[in-house]
Amino acid sequence: MEKKIAEVKDVKCDAHNCAYNDGHNTCMAGNIKVGSPTACGSQETFCSTFMHK
C-alpha cells in the first residue's frame, strides 16, 4: 500500500524580508520550492521561492 502525502495549505515563514511573507509569518506565494537536493536534515534546506521585499 502506497502512503499518501497530504498537501500543506498553511505554510509558516520566518523570513520577514521575503516579499511573500504576509507580516504574520504566513507564506502567500502561490507555490513554493524547497531545496537542496542533497539535504539530509532540516538545517540543510532552504526556500528557493524567497524574493527580497
C-alpha atoms as a PDB file:
ATOM      1  CA  MET A   1       0.000   0.000   0.000  1.00  0.00           C
ATOM      2  CA  GLU A   2       1.389   3.400  -1.016  1.00  0.00           C
ATOM      3  CA  LYS A   3       1.473   6.143   1.626  1.00  0.00           C
ATOM      4  CA  LYS A   4      -0.342   9.306   0.513  1.00  0.00           C
ATOM      5  CA  ILE A   5       1.159  12.662   1.486  1.00  0.00           C
ATOM      6  CA  ALA A   6      -1.288  15.483   2.244  1.00  0.00           C
ATOM      7  CA  GLU A   7      -0.958  18.930   0.652  1.00  0.00           C
ATOM      8  CA  VAL A   8       0.222  21.656   3.018  1.00  0.00           C
ATOM      9  CA  LYS A   9      -2.226  24.559   2.887  1.00  0.00           C
ATOM     10  CA  ASP A  10      -0.776  26.856   5.563  1.00  0.00           C
ATOM     11  CA  VAL A  11       2.969  27.446   5.170  1.00  0.00           C
ATOM     12  CA  LYS A  12       4.652  29.331   8.012  1.00  0.00           C
ATOM     13  CA  CYS A  13       7.573  31.629   7.184  1.00  0.00           C
ATOM     14  CA  ASP A  14      10.057  33.387   9.489  1.00  0.00           C
ATOM     15  CA  ALA A  15      11.783  35.241   6.620  1.00  0.00           C
ATOM     16  CA  HIS A  16      10.485  38.736   7.370  1.00  0.00           C
ATOM     17  CA  ASN A  17      12.383  40.194   4.388  1.00  0.00           C
ATOM     18  CA  CYS A  18      10.598  37.929   1.885  1.00  0.00           C
ATOM     19  CA  ALA A  19       8.033  39.557  -0.406  1.00  0.00           C
ATOM     20  CA  TYR A  20       5.700  36.558   0.126  1.00  0.00           C
ATOM     21  CA  ASN A  21       5.635  36.880   3.944  1.00  0.00           C
ATOM     22  CA  ASP A  22       2.305  38.479   4.901  1.00  0.00           C
ATOM     23  CA  GLY A  23       3.710  40.081   8.064  1.00  0.00           C
ATOM     24  CA  HIS A  24       2.074  37.408  10.227  1.00  0.00           C
ATOM     25  CA  ASN A  25       4.616  34.648   9.403  1.00  0.00           C
ATOM     26  CA  THR A  26       2.474  33.071   6.686  1.00  0.00           C
ATOM     27  CA  CYS A  27       3.792  32.447   3.169  1.00  0.00           C
ATOM     28  CA  MET A  28       1.491  33.865   0.495  1.00  0.00           C
ATOM     29  CA  ALA A  29       3.359  32.514  -2.562  1.00  0.00           C
ATOM     30  CA  GLY A  30       1.159  30.557  -4.966  1.00  0.00           C
ATOM     31  CA  ASN A  31       3.618  27.687  -4.741  1.00  0.00           C
ATOM     32  CA  ILE A  32       6.970  27.139  -3.063  1.00  0.00           C
ATOM     33  CA  LYS A  33      10.167  25.327  -3.930  1.00  0.00           C
ATOM     34  CA  VAL A  34      12.363  23.968  -1.165  1.00  0.00           C
ATOM     35  CA  GLY A  35      15.948  22.785  -1.757  1.00  0.00           C
ATOM     36  CA  SER A  36      18.691  21.477  -1.554  1.00  0.00           C
ATOM     37  CA  PRO A  37      18.629  18.144  -3.373  1.00  0.00           C
ATOM     38  CA  THR A  38      21.491  16.865  -1.193  1.00  0.00           C
ATOM     39  CA  ALA A  39      19.872  17.794   2.164  1.00  0.00           C
ATOM     40  CA  CYS A  40      19.992  15.190   4.922  1.00  0.00           C
ATOM     41  CA  GLY A  41      18.429  17.359   7.641  1.00  0.00           C
ATOM     42  CA  SER A  42      16.163  20.379   8.039  1.00  0.00           C
ATOM     43  CA  GLN A  43      19.138  22.685   8.707  1.00  0.00           C
ATOM     44  CA  GLU A  44      20.376  21.939   5.170  1.00  0.00           C
ATOM     45  CA  THR A  45      17.189  23.040   3.396  1.00  0.00           C
ATOM     46  CA  PHE A  46      16.209  26.474   2.104  1.00  0.00           C
ATOM     47  CA  CYS A  47      13.311  28.157   0.326  1.00  0.00           C
ATOM     48  CA  SER A  48      14.160  28.729  -3.352  1.00  0.00           C
ATOM     49  CA  THR A  49      10.986  30.831  -3.743  1.00  0.00           C
ATOM     50  CA  PHE A  50      12.354  33.612  -1.486  1.00  0.00           C
ATOM     51  CA  MET A  51      12.196  37.064  -3.089  1.00  0.00           C
ATOM     52  CA  HIS A  52      13.533  40.083  -1.181  1.00  0.00           C
ATOM     53  CA  LYS A  53      10.995  42.843  -0.473  1.00  0.00           C
END
